[in-house]
C-alpha cells in the first residue's frame, strides 16, 4: 500500500518512484496478497513511462535475491519444498470460490472453475480499459477492484488477509462522503454490525466459513455500484455542458 501511495498521491518525482519500487519489491514477502496488484502496477508504469519505478523495483528484487543466496544458498529449494508441505502441518482453507460453490452452493468444482475464468476475464477487461484510455480517474477503482479479485482468486482462502478490503472500501467511503457524511458513517456502521453479526451467528458451528464471504462480496458489489453512479454523474455533466453550449 505504501508503494501505491508513493505512486499516486502527491506530485510525481523520481525519488518517490524509486521508493515505490523498493516498497513493491519488499511486498513480495507476502506474494499471495500481491500477485495481481504487482502486474497491474508494472503494466501501468510501462504505459505511463515511469521508468524510475520499474528500474527500482527490478533492481530491488535482484538485490533481495542476491542477498538471500549469499546468506543461505539453498533457500530457494527449501522454500519451494516448504510451500508444498505447508498444508501437511498447518490447516489451510481451499480457494474461496471452491468453498462457496462446493460447500454452500453445491454446484461442484466445475462451476468454481467457470466462475474463476469469468472473474479473470472481467479483471483483464478492466485492466485493458484502464491502460487503453489512460484515464487517471479510473485508476483508483481499478486498484480497489484488483485487491478484491486477489482474494477471490487466491489459491487459499484466509481471513487474515482481509485487511486489504479496508483500502478497497476507502474509495467507496470517499464517494459516499461526497453525498453526505452521515451516509458514509451509516455504511461503516452497517459493515461493522453485519460482519460481527455473522461472526456471532456462526462461531462454534459448522457454518463458520460463512464469515469468509460477506466482506469480499459486499465490497465487490459496492465498487460496481460506485462506478455505475460515477458513470451516470459524468454523463449528466456532459449532457448539461452540451445543453449550455446549444
Protein backbone atom coordinates (compact mmCIF):
# COMPACT_ATOMS: atom_id res chain seq x y z
CA UNK A 1 0.00 0.00 0.00
CA UNK A 2 2.94 2.33 0.63
CA UNK A 3 4.05 1.77 -2.98
CA UNK A 4 0.60 2.79 -4.22
CA UNK A 5 0.59 5.87 -2.00
CA UNK A 6 4.01 6.94 -3.27
CA UNK A 7 2.98 6.47 -6.89
CA UNK A 8 -0.41 8.13 -6.90
CA UNK A 9 -0.51 10.71 -4.09
CA UNK A 10 1.33 13.96 -4.42
CA UNK A 11 3.41 15.25 -7.30
CA UNK A 12 5.23 12.52 -9.24
CA UNK A 13 9.01 12.59 -8.78
CA UNK A 14 11.97 10.33 -9.41
CA UNK A 15 12.59 10.00 -5.67
CA UNK A 16 9.01 8.88 -4.94
CA UNK A 17 9.09 6.40 -7.83
CA UNK A 18 12.37 4.89 -6.65
CA UNK A 19 10.99 4.46 -3.12
CA UNK A 20 7.79 2.96 -4.55
CA UNK A 21 9.85 0.40 -6.49
CA UNK A 22 11.72 -0.60 -3.32
CA UNK A 23 8.41 -0.97 -1.43
CA UNK A 24 6.92 -3.07 -4.22
CA UNK A 25 9.88 -5.45 -4.12
CA UNK A 26 9.60 -5.84 -0.34
CA UNK A 27 5.85 -6.50 -0.65
CA UNK A 28 6.63 -9.83 -2.36
CA UNK A 29 7.39 -11.20 1.11
CA UNK A 30 3.61 -11.86 1.16
CA UNK A 31 3.08 -12.85 -2.51
CA UNK A 32 -0.46 -14.21 -2.05
CA UNK A 33 -1.64 -10.67 -1.33
CA UNK A 34 0.27 -9.04 -4.21
CA UNK A 35 0.19 -11.49 -7.11
CA UNK A 36 -2.37 -9.43 -9.07
CA UNK A 37 -1.59 -5.88 -7.97
CA UNK A 38 2.10 -6.17 -8.98
CA UNK A 39 1.48 -6.92 -12.69
CA UNK A 40 -1.14 -4.14 -12.83
CA UNK A 41 1.29 -1.60 -11.37
CA UNK A 42 4.08 -2.72 -13.73
CA UNK A 43 1.80 -2.51 -16.79
CA UNK A 44 0.56 0.92 -15.72
CA UNK A 45 4.14 2.13 -15.14
CA UNK A 46 5.18 0.94 -18.62
CA UNK A 47 2.21 2.77 -20.13
CA UNK A 48 2.98 5.93 -18.11
CA UNK A 49 6.76 5.66 -18.77
CA UNK A 50 7.58 5.71 -15.06
CA UNK A 51 11.00 4.19 -15.66
CA UNK A 52 12.43 5.07 -12.25
CA UNK A 53 9.75 2.91 -10.62
CA UNK A 54 10.29 -0.06 -12.95
CA UNK A 55 14.08 0.00 -12.69
CA UNK A 56 13.96 0.47 -8.91
CA UNK A 57 11.56 -2.46 -8.45
CA UNK A 58 13.68 -4.72 -10.69
CA UNK A 59 16.97 -3.82 -9.01
CA UNK A 60 15.44 -4.17 -5.55
CA UNK A 61 14.20 -7.66 -6.41
CA UNK A 62 17.63 -8.62 -7.73
CA UNK A 63 19.22 -7.27 -4.54
CA UNK A 64 16.81 -9.27 -2.37
CA UNK A 65 17.55 -12.45 -4.31
CA UNK A 66 21.29 -11.81 -4.25
CA UNK A 67 21.47 -11.16 -0.51
CA UNK A 68 19.25 -14.20 0.16
CA UNK A 69 21.52 -16.52 -1.83
CA UNK A 70 24.63 -15.10 -0.15
CA UNK A 71 23.16 -15.70 3.32
CA UNK A 72 21.60 -19.08 2.53
CA UNK A 73 22.47 -20.57 -0.88
CA UNK A 74 19.87 -23.36 -0.55
CA UNK A 75 16.96 -21.09 0.44
CA UNK A 76 15.04 -21.27 -2.85
CA UNK A 77 14.78 -25.05 -2.97
CA UNK A 78 13.94 -25.22 0.73
CA UNK A 79 11.28 -22.52 0.30
CA UNK A 80 9.64 -24.39 -2.59
CA UNK A 81 9.64 -27.59 -0.54
CA UNK A 82 8.07 -25.81 2.41
CA UNK A 83 5.36 -24.34 0.19
CA UNK A 84 4.32 -27.81 -0.98
CA UNK A 85 4.49 -29.31 2.53
CA UNK A 86 2.79 -26.35 4.25
CA UNK A 87 -0.67 -27.94 4.22
CA UNK A 88 0.69 -31.07 5.95
CA UNK A 89 1.37 -29.27 9.23
CA UNK A 90 -0.92 -26.20 9.10
CA UNK A 91 -4.67 -26.16 8.38
CA UNK A 92 -5.15 -24.45 5.01
CA UNK A 93 -8.52 -23.46 3.57
CA UNK A 94 -9.20 -24.17 -0.12
CA UNK A 95 -9.87 -21.30 -2.54
CA UNK A 96 -12.79 -19.06 -1.63
CA UNK A 97 -14.78 -19.93 -4.75
CA UNK A 98 -14.40 -23.66 -4.07
CA UNK A 99 -15.78 -23.23 -0.56
CA UNK A 100 -18.71 -21.20 -1.89
CA UNK A 101 -19.64 -23.45 -4.82
CA UNK A 102 -18.92 -26.82 -3.22
CA UNK A 103 -19.90 -26.44 0.44
CA UNK A 104 -22.63 -23.79 0.50
CA UNK A 105 -23.96 -23.77 -3.08
CA UNK A 106 -23.24 -27.36 -4.17
CA UNK A 107 -22.58 -26.82 -7.87
CA UNK A 108 -19.27 -28.69 -7.86
CA UNK A 109 -15.65 -27.84 -8.71
CA UNK A 110 -16.52 -27.33 -12.38
CA UNK A 111 -18.70 -24.34 -11.53
CA UNK A 112 -15.88 -22.87 -9.43
CA UNK A 113 -13.52 -23.07 -12.40
CA UNK A 114 -16.07 -21.49 -14.74
CA UNK A 115 -16.61 -18.62 -12.30
CA UNK A 116 -12.85 -18.26 -11.84
CA UNK A 117 -12.35 -17.93 -15.62
CA UNK A 118 -15.15 -15.34 -15.82
CA UNK A 119 -13.64 -13.29 -13.00
CA UNK A 120 -10.18 -13.39 -14.59
CA UNK A 121 -11.73 -12.27 -17.87
CA UNK A 122 -13.54 -9.41 -16.13
CA UNK A 123 -10.32 -8.35 -14.41
CA UNK A 124 -8.34 -8.37 -17.68
CA UNK A 125 -11.03 -6.30 -19.40
CA UNK A 126 -10.84 -3.68 -16.63
CA UNK A 127 -7.04 -3.59 -16.90
CA UNK A 128 -7.28 -3.22 -20.67
CA UNK A 129 -9.77 -0.35 -20.40
CA UNK A 130 -7.55 1.42 -17.88
CA UNK A 131 -4.38 1.03 -19.96
CA UNK A 132 -6.15 1.84 -23.23
CA UNK A 133 -7.78 5.06 -22.06
CA UNK A 134 -5.06 6.22 -19.67
CA UNK A 135 -7.83 7.76 -17.58
CA UNK A 136 -6.40 8.57 -14.15
CA UNK A 137 -9.96 8.76 -12.73
CA UNK A 138 -10.32 5.04 -13.46
CA UNK A 139 -7.08 4.14 -11.71
CA UNK A 140 -8.26 4.17 -8.08
CA UNK A 141 -11.24 2.00 -8.93
CA UNK A 142 -9.09 -0.47 -10.88
CA UNK A 143 -6.66 -0.81 -7.96
CA UNK A 144 -9.51 -1.40 -5.47
CA UNK A 145 -11.15 -3.90 -7.84
CA UNK A 146 -7.84 -5.77 -8.22
CA UNK A 147 -7.44 -6.01 -4.44
CA UNK A 148 -10.88 -7.63 -4.19
CA UNK A 149 -10.18 -10.02 -7.06
CA UNK A 150 -6.92 -11.02 -5.39
CA UNK A 151 -8.87 -12.52 -2.51
CA UNK A 152 -11.50 -14.14 -4.73
CA UNK A 153 -8.86 -15.75 -6.96
CA UNK A 154 -6.28 -16.58 -4.29
CA UNK A 155 -5.28 -20.28 -4.21
CA UNK A 156 -6.08 -20.36 -0.48
CA UNK A 157 -8.75 -18.52 1.49
CA UNK A 158 -7.53 -16.67 4.57
CA UNK A 159 -9.50 -14.20 6.63
CA UNK A 160 -6.21 -12.82 7.99
CA UNK A 161 -5.60 -11.21 4.59
CA UNK A 162 -8.89 -9.29 4.65
CA UNK A 163 -7.18 -6.14 5.90
CA UNK A 164 -6.76 -5.23 2.21
CA UNK A 165 -10.52 -4.65 1.98
CA UNK A 166 -10.07 -1.56 4.13
CA UNK A 167 -8.12 0.02 1.27
CA UNK A 168 -10.68 -1.08 -1.32
CA UNK A 169 -13.53 0.31 0.78
CA UNK A 170 -11.82 3.69 1.13
CA UNK A 171 -12.82 4.54 -2.43
CA UNK A 172 -16.46 3.70 -1.74
CA UNK A 173 -16.49 5.61 1.55
CA UNK A 174 -14.95 8.69 -0.09
CA UNK A 175 -17.73 8.77 -2.67
CA UNK A 176 -20.40 8.27 -0.01
CA UNK A 177 -18.90 11.11 2.00
CA UNK A 178 -19.29 13.32 -1.07
CA UNK A 179 -23.04 12.58 -0.90
CA UNK A 180 -23.26 13.19 2.86
CA UNK A 181 -21.07 12.32 5.82
CA UNK A 182 -23.96 10.55 7.55
CA UNK A 183 -24.33 8.24 4.55
CA UNK A 184 -20.67 7.28 4.87
CA UNK A 185 -20.96 6.71 8.62
CA UNK A 186 -24.11 4.66 8.08
CA UNK A 187 -22.30 2.39 5.64
CA UNK A 188 -19.39 1.95 8.05
CA UNK A 189 -21.81 1.06 10.85
CA UNK A 190 -23.69 -1.39 8.64
CA UNK A 191 -20.46 -3.15 7.65
CA UNK A 192 -19.32 -3.34 11.27
CA UNK A 193 -22.62 -4.69 12.59
CA UNK A 194 -23.04 -7.06 9.65
CA UNK A 195 -19.62 -8.67 9.99
CA UNK A 196 -19.88 -9.13 13.75
CA UNK A 197 -23.43 -10.48 13.40
CA UNK A 198 -22.24 -13.19 11.02
CA UNK A 199 -19.35 -13.97 13.37
CA UNK A 200 -21.54 -14.43 16.45
CA UNK A 201 -24.15 -16.37 14.49
CA UNK A 202 -21.66 -18.88 13.10
CA UNK A 203 -18.90 -19.14 15.73
CA UNK A 204 -18.57 -22.68 17.11
CA UNK A 205 -20.78 -24.01 14.31
CA UNK A 206 -20.15 -25.83 11.05
CA UNK A 207 -21.15 -22.65 9.21
CA UNK A 208 -18.22 -20.59 10.49
CA UNK A 209 -16.71 -20.46 6.99
CA UNK A 210 -19.62 -18.21 6.03
CA UNK A 211 -17.64 -15.42 7.66
CA UNK A 212 -15.30 -15.54 4.64
CA UNK A 213 -17.90 -14.28 2.18
CA UNK A 214 -19.75 -11.10 3.29
CA UNK A 215 -16.80 -8.69 3.14
CA UNK A 216 -15.40 -9.61 -0.32
CA UNK A 217 -18.84 -9.92 -1.93
CA UNK A 218 -20.21 -6.72 -0.36
CA UNK A 219 -17.04 -4.80 -1.27
CA UNK A 220 -17.27 -6.01 -4.87
CA UNK A 221 -20.93 -5.01 -5.05
CA UNK A 222 -20.22 -1.56 -3.59
CA UNK A 223 -17.39 -0.99 -6.07
CA UNK A 224 -19.64 -1.89 -9.00
CA UNK A 225 -22.41 0.39 -7.73
CA UNK A 226 -19.99 3.26 -7.06
CA UNK A 227 -18.64 3.08 -10.61
CA UNK A 228 -22.14 2.96 -12.05
CA UNK A 229 -23.14 6.07 -10.09
CA UNK A 230 -19.94 7.85 -11.12
CA UNK A 231 -20.62 6.99 -14.75
CA UNK A 232 -24.15 8.38 -14.53
CA UNK A 233 -22.86 11.59 -12.92
CA UNK A 234 -20.26 12.01 -15.67
CA UNK A 235 -22.88 11.51 -18.39
CA UNK A 236 -25.19 14.02 -16.74
CA UNK A 237 -22.37 16.57 -16.60
CA UNK A 238 -21.62 16.04 -20.28
CA UNK A 239 -25.29 16.39 -21.17
CA UNK A 240 -25.60 19.55 -19.11
CA UNK A 241 -22.48 21.02 -20.69
CA UNK A 242 -23.81 20.21 -24.16
CA UNK A 243 -27.15 21.87 -23.36
CA UNK A 244 -25.37 25.02 -22.19
CA UNK A 245 -23.41 25.20 -25.44
CA UNK A 246 -26.55 24.83 -27.53
